[in-house]
Amino acid sequence: MKNRTWAFLAGGLLVALLLAGVVSNYASSHPDGLDSSLLKGCTVDADDNIVGGSCPAQQAREHELGDSPLADYGVRGIENSFVSTGLSGVLGVLVTFAIGGGAFWLLRRRGDASTTGDDTADGDATAAEGATGDAVTAARHTS
């Protein structure tokens, strides 16, 4: 890859890491659109606990992966919430970048192999078509 491409990728990764590691700590703690729409019809207290009414959120249950190491936008075992949230974001960016980069690398390698074989076959077919076309043209001129 060219140096400009590497610089662009490194810059993008750096910005994503900065946003995930630092800026994510300042995100709103209020529910997003889906959460707030599921609470319609219920009465909630200051801590967003349902205290009355009837709404779809009352049927919510704990997620199967709720006890995983990166659940709830943090890293289990780290008591400082700022560091925990930032580290969780950084790990998420790195894993996503690694999976995406690996997929593009595999697709690029696969694309290089298929185009190399296609060029040879196309070149032979073009040469054969050219020879056939020359033979047809020559036959027309002799008749």
N, C-alpha and C. Protein backbone atom coordinates (compact mmCIF):
# COMPACT_ATOMS: atom_id res chain seq x y z
N MET A 1 0.83 -1.17 0.00
CA MET A 1 0.00 0.00 0.00
C MET A 1 0.88 1.24 0.00
N LYS A 2 0.32 2.29 -0.53
CA LYS A 2 1.05 3.55 -0.57
C LYS A 2 1.12 4.16 0.83
N ASN A 3 2.11 5.03 1.01
CA ASN A 3 2.28 5.69 2.31
C ASN A 3 1.07 6.55 2.66
N ARG A 4 0.44 7.17 1.66
CA ARG A 4 -0.74 8.01 1.93
C ARG A 4 -1.89 7.17 2.45
N THR A 5 -2.03 5.95 1.93
CA THR A 5 -3.10 5.07 2.39
C THR A 5 -2.86 4.67 3.83
N TRP A 6 -1.62 4.32 4.16
CA TRP A 6 -1.29 3.94 5.53
C TRP A 6 -1.52 5.12 6.48
N ALA A 7 -1.14 6.32 6.04
CA ALA A 7 -1.34 7.50 6.88
C ALA A 7 -2.83 7.77 7.10
N PHE A 8 -3.64 7.58 6.05
CA PHE A 8 -5.08 7.77 6.17
C PHE A 8 -5.68 6.75 7.14
N LEU A 9 -5.29 5.48 7.01
CA LEU A 9 -5.80 4.44 7.91
C LEU A 9 -5.36 4.69 9.35
N ALA A 10 -4.11 5.06 9.54
CA ALA A 10 -3.61 5.32 10.89
C ALA A 10 -4.32 6.54 11.50
N GLY A 11 -4.55 7.58 10.72
CA GLY A 11 -5.26 8.74 11.20
C GLY A 11 -6.70 8.42 11.57
N GLY A 12 -7.37 7.63 10.73
CA GLY A 12 -8.74 7.22 11.02
C GLY A 12 -8.83 6.38 12.27
N LEU A 13 -7.87 5.46 12.43
CA LEU A 13 -7.84 4.62 13.63
C LEU A 13 -7.59 5.47 14.87
N LEU A 14 -6.69 6.43 14.76
CA LEU A 14 -6.39 7.31 15.90
C LEU A 14 -7.62 8.13 16.31
N VAL A 15 -8.34 8.67 15.33
CA VAL A 15 -9.55 9.44 15.64
C VAL A 15 -10.60 8.53 16.28
N ALA A 16 -10.79 7.34 15.74
CA ALA A 16 -11.77 6.40 16.31
C ALA A 16 -11.40 6.01 17.73
N LEU A 17 -10.12 5.77 17.98
CA LEU A 17 -9.67 5.42 19.33
C LEU A 17 -9.89 6.58 20.30
N LEU A 18 -9.62 7.80 19.85
CA LEU A 18 -9.82 8.98 20.69
C LEU A 18 -11.31 9.15 21.02
N LEU A 19 -12.16 9.01 20.02
CA LEU A 19 -13.60 9.14 20.26
C LEU A 19 -14.11 8.05 21.19
N ALA A 20 -13.68 6.82 20.96
CA ALA A 20 -14.15 5.71 21.78
C ALA A 20 -13.58 5.76 23.19
N GLY A 21 -12.33 6.17 23.31
CA GLY A 21 -11.69 6.16 24.61
C GLY A 21 -12.00 7.34 25.50
N VAL A 22 -12.26 8.49 24.92
CA VAL A 22 -12.45 9.69 25.73
C VAL A 22 -13.86 10.25 25.58
N VAL A 23 -14.26 10.53 24.36
CA VAL A 23 -15.54 11.20 24.12
C VAL A 23 -16.73 10.33 24.52
N SER A 24 -16.59 9.02 24.44
CA SER A 24 -17.70 8.14 24.79
C SER A 24 -18.12 8.29 26.25
N ASN A 25 -17.23 8.74 27.10
CA ASN A 25 -17.57 8.97 28.51
C ASN A 25 -18.53 10.13 28.71
N TYR A 26 -18.65 10.99 27.71
CA TYR A 26 -19.52 12.15 27.83
C TYR A 26 -20.85 11.96 27.10
N ALA A 27 -21.14 10.74 26.68
CA ALA A 27 -22.41 10.46 26.00
C ALA A 27 -23.56 10.58 27.00
N SER A 28 -24.74 10.82 26.48
CA SER A 28 -25.91 11.00 27.33
C SER A 28 -26.28 9.70 28.03
N SER A 29 -26.65 9.80 29.28
CA SER A 29 -27.08 8.62 30.03
C SER A 29 -28.59 8.43 29.95
N HIS A 30 -29.28 9.33 29.28
CA HIS A 30 -30.73 9.21 29.11
C HIS A 30 -31.03 8.17 28.04
N PRO A 31 -32.17 7.53 28.14
CA PRO A 31 -32.50 6.48 27.18
C PRO A 31 -32.58 7.00 25.75
N ASP A 32 -32.22 6.13 24.82
CA ASP A 32 -32.33 6.52 23.42
C ASP A 32 -33.77 6.33 22.94
N GLY A 33 -34.01 6.48 21.67
CA GLY A 33 -35.36 6.42 21.11
C GLY A 33 -36.05 5.10 21.36
N LEU A 34 -35.34 3.99 21.20
CA LEU A 34 -35.96 2.68 21.41
C LEU A 34 -36.34 2.49 22.87
N ASP A 35 -35.41 2.80 23.77
CA ASP A 35 -35.70 2.65 25.19
C ASP A 35 -36.87 3.53 25.63
N SER A 36 -36.87 4.77 25.16
CA SER A 36 -37.95 5.67 25.58
C SER A 36 -39.30 5.26 24.98
N SER A 37 -39.31 4.71 23.77
CA SER A 37 -40.58 4.26 23.19
C SER A 37 -41.10 3.02 23.91
N LEU A 38 -40.22 2.19 24.43
CA LEU A 38 -40.65 1.01 25.18
C LEU A 38 -41.21 1.39 26.55
N LEU A 39 -40.87 2.58 27.04
CA LEU A 39 -41.35 3.04 28.34
C LEU A 39 -42.67 3.81 28.25
N LYS A 40 -43.18 4.02 27.04
CA LYS A 40 -44.45 4.76 26.89
C LYS A 40 -45.58 3.98 27.54
N GLY A 41 -46.30 4.64 28.40
CA GLY A 41 -47.41 4.02 29.12
C GLY A 41 -47.04 3.67 30.55
N CYS A 42 -45.76 3.76 30.89
CA CYS A 42 -45.30 3.46 32.24
C CYS A 42 -44.89 4.75 32.95
N THR A 43 -44.93 4.70 34.26
CA THR A 43 -44.43 5.78 35.08
C THR A 43 -43.07 5.34 35.61
N VAL A 44 -42.07 6.22 35.46
CA VAL A 44 -40.72 5.88 35.92
C VAL A 44 -40.24 6.90 36.93
N ASP A 45 -39.34 6.47 37.82
CA ASP A 45 -38.77 7.39 38.80
C ASP A 45 -37.51 8.04 38.24
N ALA A 46 -36.78 8.77 39.05
CA ALA A 46 -35.59 9.49 38.62
C ALA A 46 -34.49 8.57 38.13
N ASP A 47 -34.48 7.31 38.61
CA ASP A 47 -33.47 6.34 38.20
C ASP A 47 -33.92 5.47 37.04
N ASP A 48 -35.01 5.86 36.37
CA ASP A 48 -35.60 5.13 35.24
C ASP A 48 -36.12 3.74 35.63
N ASN A 49 -36.51 3.56 36.88
CA ASN A 49 -37.15 2.32 37.32
C ASN A 49 -38.65 2.46 37.13
N ILE A 50 -39.29 1.42 36.61
CA ILE A 50 -40.73 1.45 36.37
C ILE A 50 -41.45 1.33 37.70
N VAL A 51 -42.33 2.30 38.00
CA VAL A 51 -43.06 2.30 39.27
C VAL A 51 -44.57 2.15 39.06
N GLY A 52 -45.04 2.20 37.82
CA GLY A 52 -46.46 2.05 37.57
C GLY A 52 -46.78 2.06 36.10
N GLY A 53 -48.04 1.76 35.77
CA GLY A 53 -48.49 1.77 34.39
C GLY A 53 -48.25 0.44 33.70
N SER A 54 -48.42 0.47 32.40
CA SER A 54 -48.24 -0.74 31.59
C SER A 54 -47.51 -0.36 30.30
N CYS A 55 -46.40 -1.04 30.04
CA CYS A 55 -45.61 -0.76 28.84
C CYS A 55 -44.81 -2.00 28.45
N PRO A 56 -44.31 -2.05 27.20
CA PRO A 56 -43.52 -3.20 26.74
C PRO A 56 -42.23 -3.43 27.54
N ALA A 57 -41.68 -2.39 28.14
CA ALA A 57 -40.42 -2.53 28.88
C ALA A 57 -40.58 -3.43 30.10
N GLN A 58 -41.80 -3.64 30.58
CA GLN A 58 -42.00 -4.50 31.75
C GLN A 58 -41.70 -5.97 31.43
N GLN A 59 -41.74 -6.34 30.16
CA GLN A 59 -41.42 -7.72 29.78
C GLN A 59 -39.93 -7.92 29.49
N ALA A 60 -39.14 -6.88 29.66
CA ALA A 60 -37.71 -6.99 29.40
C ALA A 60 -37.06 -7.94 30.40
N ARG A 61 -36.07 -8.69 29.89
CA ARG A 61 -35.32 -9.59 30.77
C ARG A 61 -33.83 -9.37 30.52
N GLU A 62 -33.03 -9.93 31.36
CA GLU A 62 -31.58 -9.76 31.27
C GLU A 62 -31.06 -10.45 30.00
N HIS A 63 -30.13 -9.80 29.33
CA HIS A 63 -29.54 -10.35 28.12
C HIS A 63 -28.68 -11.56 28.47
N GLU A 64 -28.60 -12.53 27.55
CA GLU A 64 -27.82 -13.75 27.80
C GLU A 64 -26.34 -13.45 28.01
N LEU A 65 -25.84 -12.40 27.39
CA LEU A 65 -24.43 -12.04 27.53
C LEU A 65 -24.23 -10.88 28.51
N GLY A 66 -25.21 -10.66 29.38
CA GLY A 66 -25.15 -9.55 30.32
C GLY A 66 -24.02 -9.67 31.34
N ASP A 67 -23.46 -10.86 31.50
CA ASP A 67 -22.36 -11.03 32.44
C ASP A 67 -21.01 -11.19 31.73
N SER A 68 -20.95 -10.81 30.46
CA SER A 68 -19.69 -10.92 29.71
C SER A 68 -18.72 -9.82 30.15
N PRO A 69 -17.45 -9.96 29.82
CA PRO A 69 -16.43 -8.99 30.27
C PRO A 69 -16.65 -7.56 29.79
N LEU A 70 -17.34 -7.36 28.67
CA LEU A 70 -17.53 -6.01 28.14
C LEU A 70 -19.00 -5.57 28.16
N ALA A 71 -19.80 -6.14 29.04
CA ALA A 71 -21.22 -5.80 29.12
C ALA A 71 -21.42 -4.42 29.72
N ASP A 72 -22.51 -3.77 29.36
CA ASP A 72 -22.91 -2.46 29.90
C ASP A 72 -21.88 -1.37 29.66
N TYR A 73 -21.26 -1.36 28.49
CA TYR A 73 -20.33 -0.31 28.08
C TYR A 73 -19.17 -0.12 29.06
N GLY A 74 -18.66 -1.19 29.58
CA GLY A 74 -17.53 -1.11 30.50
C GLY A 74 -16.76 -2.42 30.52
N VAL A 75 -15.65 -2.43 31.22
CA VAL A 75 -14.83 -3.63 31.37
C VAL A 75 -14.99 -4.12 32.79
N ARG A 76 -15.43 -5.36 32.93
CA ARG A 76 -15.63 -5.92 34.26
C ARG A 76 -14.30 -5.96 35.02
N GLY A 77 -14.35 -5.60 36.27
CA GLY A 77 -13.17 -5.66 37.13
C GLY A 77 -12.48 -4.31 37.28
N ILE A 78 -12.81 -3.34 36.47
CA ILE A 78 -12.22 -2.01 36.59
C ILE A 78 -13.24 -1.12 37.27
N GLU A 79 -12.89 -0.65 38.45
CA GLU A 79 -13.82 0.12 39.27
C GLU A 79 -14.03 1.55 38.78
N ASN A 80 -13.01 2.17 38.21
CA ASN A 80 -13.12 3.55 37.72
C ASN A 80 -13.98 3.54 36.45
N SER A 81 -15.17 4.15 36.51
CA SER A 81 -16.10 4.08 35.37
C SER A 81 -15.56 4.81 34.14
N PHE A 82 -14.80 5.90 34.32
CA PHE A 82 -14.24 6.62 33.18
C PHE A 82 -13.26 5.73 32.43
N VAL A 83 -12.37 5.07 33.15
CA VAL A 83 -11.38 4.18 32.53
C VAL A 83 -12.06 2.95 31.95
N SER A 84 -13.03 2.40 32.66
CA SER A 84 -13.73 1.21 32.21
C SER A 84 -14.47 1.44 30.90
N THR A 85 -15.20 2.56 30.81
CA THR A 85 -15.93 2.90 29.59
C THR A 85 -14.97 3.18 28.44
N GLY A 86 -13.93 3.94 28.71
CA GLY A 86 -12.95 4.26 27.67
C GLY A 86 -12.24 3.03 27.15
N LEU A 87 -11.83 2.15 28.05
CA LEU A 87 -11.15 0.92 27.64
C LEU A 87 -12.07 0.01 26.84
N SER A 88 -13.33 -0.04 27.24
CA SER A 88 -14.31 -0.83 26.49
C SER A 88 -14.45 -0.31 25.06
N GLY A 89 -14.51 1.00 24.91
CA GLY A 89 -14.60 1.60 23.59
C GLY A 89 -13.36 1.34 22.75
N VAL A 90 -12.19 1.47 23.36
CA VAL A 90 -10.93 1.22 22.65
C VAL A 90 -10.85 -0.23 22.20
N LEU A 91 -11.20 -1.16 23.08
CA LEU A 91 -11.19 -2.58 22.69
C LEU A 91 -12.17 -2.86 21.56
N GLY A 92 -13.34 -2.23 21.62
CA GLY A 92 -14.32 -2.41 20.55
C GLY A 92 -13.81 -1.90 19.21
N VAL A 93 -13.16 -0.74 19.22
CA VAL A 93 -12.59 -0.19 17.98
C VAL A 93 -11.51 -1.11 17.43
N LEU A 94 -10.62 -1.58 18.29
CA LEU A 94 -9.52 -2.45 17.84
C LEU A 94 -10.03 -3.77 17.27
N VAL A 95 -11.02 -4.37 17.94
CA VAL A 95 -11.58 -5.63 17.43
C VAL A 95 -12.28 -5.39 16.10
N THR A 96 -13.06 -4.33 16.00
CA THR A 96 -13.75 -4.01 14.75
C THR A 96 -12.76 -3.73 13.62
N PHE A 97 -11.71 -2.98 13.92
CA PHE A 97 -10.68 -2.67 12.92
C PHE A 97 -9.97 -3.94 12.48
N ALA A 98 -9.67 -4.83 13.42
CA ALA A 98 -8.98 -6.08 13.07
C ALA A 98 -9.86 -6.98 12.20
N ILE A 99 -11.13 -7.10 12.54
CA ILE A 99 -12.04 -7.94 11.75
C ILE A 99 -12.24 -7.33 10.36
N GLY A 100 -12.49 -6.02 10.30
CA GLY A 100 -12.67 -5.35 9.01
C GLY A 100 -11.41 -5.42 8.15
N GLY A 101 -10.26 -5.14 8.76
CA GLY A 101 -9.00 -5.21 8.02
C GLY A 101 -8.71 -6.60 7.52
N GLY A 102 -8.99 -7.61 8.35
CA GLY A 102 -8.78 -8.99 7.92
C GLY A 102 -9.70 -9.38 6.77
N ALA A 103 -10.95 -8.94 6.84
CA ALA A 103 -11.90 -9.24 5.76
C ALA A 103 -11.46 -8.58 4.46
N PHE A 104 -11.06 -7.31 4.52
CA PHE A 104 -10.60 -6.63 3.31
C PHE A 104 -9.33 -7.27 2.77
N TRP A 105 -8.44 -7.69 3.64
CA TRP A 105 -7.20 -8.34 3.21
C TRP A 105 -7.52 -9.65 2.48
N LEU A 106 -8.44 -10.44 3.04
CA LEU A 106 -8.83 -11.70 2.39
C LEU A 106 -9.50 -11.45 1.05
N LEU A 107 -10.40 -10.48 0.99
CA LEU A 107 -11.08 -10.18 -0.26
C LEU A 107 -10.11 -9.63 -1.31
N ARG A 108 -9.16 -8.84 -0.89
CA ARG A 108 -8.19 -8.30 -1.82
C ARG A 108 -7.32 -9.40 -2.40
N ARG A 109 -6.87 -10.31 -1.54
CA ARG A 109 -6.05 -11.43 -2.02
C ARG A 109 -6.85 -12.31 -2.95
N ARG A 110 -8.10 -12.55 -2.63
CA ARG A 110 -8.96 -13.37 -3.47
C ARG A 110 -9.21 -12.68 -4.81
N GLY A 111 -9.41 -11.36 -4.78
CA GLY A 111 -9.63 -10.60 -6.01
C GLY A 111 -8.40 -10.60 -6.90
N ASP A 112 -7.19 -10.51 -6.33
CA ASP A 112 -5.96 -10.54 -7.12
C ASP A 112 -5.80 -11.87 -7.83
N ALA A 113 -6.11 -12.97 -7.16
CA ALA A 113 -5.96 -14.29 -7.75
C ALA A 113 -6.94 -14.50 -8.89
N SER A 114 -8.18 -14.04 -8.73
CA SER A 114 -9.18 -14.26 -9.78
C SER A 114 -8.94 -13.36 -10.99
N THR A 115 -8.45 -12.15 -10.79
CA THR A 115 -8.23 -11.27 -11.93
C THR A 115 -7.01 -11.69 -12.73
N THR A 116 -6.01 -12.29 -12.09
CA THR A 116 -4.83 -12.75 -12.81
C THR A 116 -5.22 -13.84 -13.79
N GLY A 117 -6.02 -14.79 -13.34
CA GLY A 117 -6.46 -15.87 -14.22
C GLY A 117 -7.39 -15.37 -15.30
N ASP A 118 -8.23 -14.41 -15.00
CA ASP A 118 -9.18 -13.89 -15.97
C ASP A 118 -8.47 -13.13 -17.08
N ASP A 119 -7.40 -12.41 -16.75
CA ASP A 119 -6.69 -11.64 -17.77
C ASP A 119 -6.10 -12.56 -18.82
N THR A 120 -5.54 -13.69 -18.40
CA THR A 120 -4.95 -14.62 -19.33
C THR A 120 -6.02 -15.21 -20.23
N ALA A 121 -7.13 -15.63 -19.63
CA ALA A 121 -8.19 -16.23 -20.42
C ALA A 121 -8.79 -15.21 -21.37
N ASP A 122 -8.99 -14.00 -20.94
CA ASP A 122 -9.55 -12.96 -21.81
C ASP A 122 -8.59 -12.64 -22.95
N GLY A 123 -7.32 -12.61 -22.64
CA GLY A 123 -6.33 -12.32 -23.68
C GLY A 123 -6.33 -13.39 -24.75
N ASP A 124 -6.41 -14.65 -24.35
CA ASP A 124 -6.45 -15.75 -25.31
C ASP A 124 -7.73 -15.69 -26.12
N ALA A 125 -8.85 -15.40 -25.47
CA ALA A 125 -10.13 -15.33 -26.17
C ALA A 125 -10.12 -14.18 -27.16
N THR A 126 -9.54 -13.06 -26.80
CA THR A 126 -9.48 -11.91 -27.69
C THR A 126 -8.61 -12.22 -28.90
N ALA A 127 -7.50 -12.90 -28.66
CA ALA A 127 -6.62 -13.28 -29.77
C ALA A 127 -7.34 -14.24 -30.70
N ALA A 128 -8.07 -15.21 -30.13
CA ALA A 128 -8.80 -16.18 -30.95
C ALA A 128 -9.89 -15.48 -31.75
N GLU A 129 -10.61 -14.56 -31.11
CA GLU A 129 -11.66 -13.82 -31.82
C GLU A 129 -11.06 -12.99 -32.94
N GLY A 130 -9.91 -12.40 -32.66
CA GLY A 130 -9.24 -11.60 -33.68
C GLY A 130 -8.84 -12.44 -34.87
N ALA A 131 -8.30 -13.65 -34.60
CA ALA A 131 -7.90 -14.53 -35.69
C ALA A 131 -9.11 -14.98 -36.49
N THR A 132 -10.21 -15.29 -35.82
CA THR A 132 -11.44 -15.70 -36.50
C THR A 132 -11.97 -14.55 -37.33
N GLY A 133 -11.98 -13.37 -36.75
CA GLY A 133 -12.46 -12.20 -37.48
C GLY A 133 -11.61 -11.93 -38.71
N ASP A 134 -10.28 -12.09 -38.61
CA ASP A 134 -9.40 -11.89 -39.75
C ASP A 134 -9.68 -12.92 -40.83
N ALA A 135 -9.96 -14.17 -40.42
CA ALA A 135 -10.25 -15.22 -41.39
C ALA A 135 -11.55 -14.94 -42.12
N VAL A 136 -12.58 -14.46 -41.37
CA VAL A 136 -13.87 -14.15 -41.99
C VAL A 136 -13.71 -12.98 -42.94
N THR A 137 -12.96 -11.95 -42.55
CA THR A 137 -12.73 -10.80 -43.41
C THR A 137 -11.98 -11.21 -44.68
N ALA A 138 -11.00 -12.05 -44.53
CA ALA A 138 -10.24 -12.52 -45.68
C ALA A 138 -11.11 -13.33 -46.62
N ALA A 139 -12.01 -14.16 -46.06
CA ALA A 139 -12.91 -14.98 -46.88
C ALA A 139 -13.87 -14.09 -47.67
N ARG A 140 -14.34 -13.01 -47.05
CA ARG A 140 -15.26 -12.11 -47.74
C ARG A 140 -14.58 -11.42 -48.92
N HIS A 141 -13.32 -11.04 -48.72
CA HIS A 141 -12.61 -10.32 -49.77
C HIS A 141 -12.25 -11.23 -50.93
N THR A 142 -12.07 -12.52 -50.68
CA THR A 142 -11.68 -13.42 -51.77
C THR A 142 -12.89 -13.89 -52.56
N SER A 143 -14.11 -13.79 -52.02
CA SER A 143 -15.28 -14.28 -52.74
C SER A 143 -15.77 -13.30 -53.74
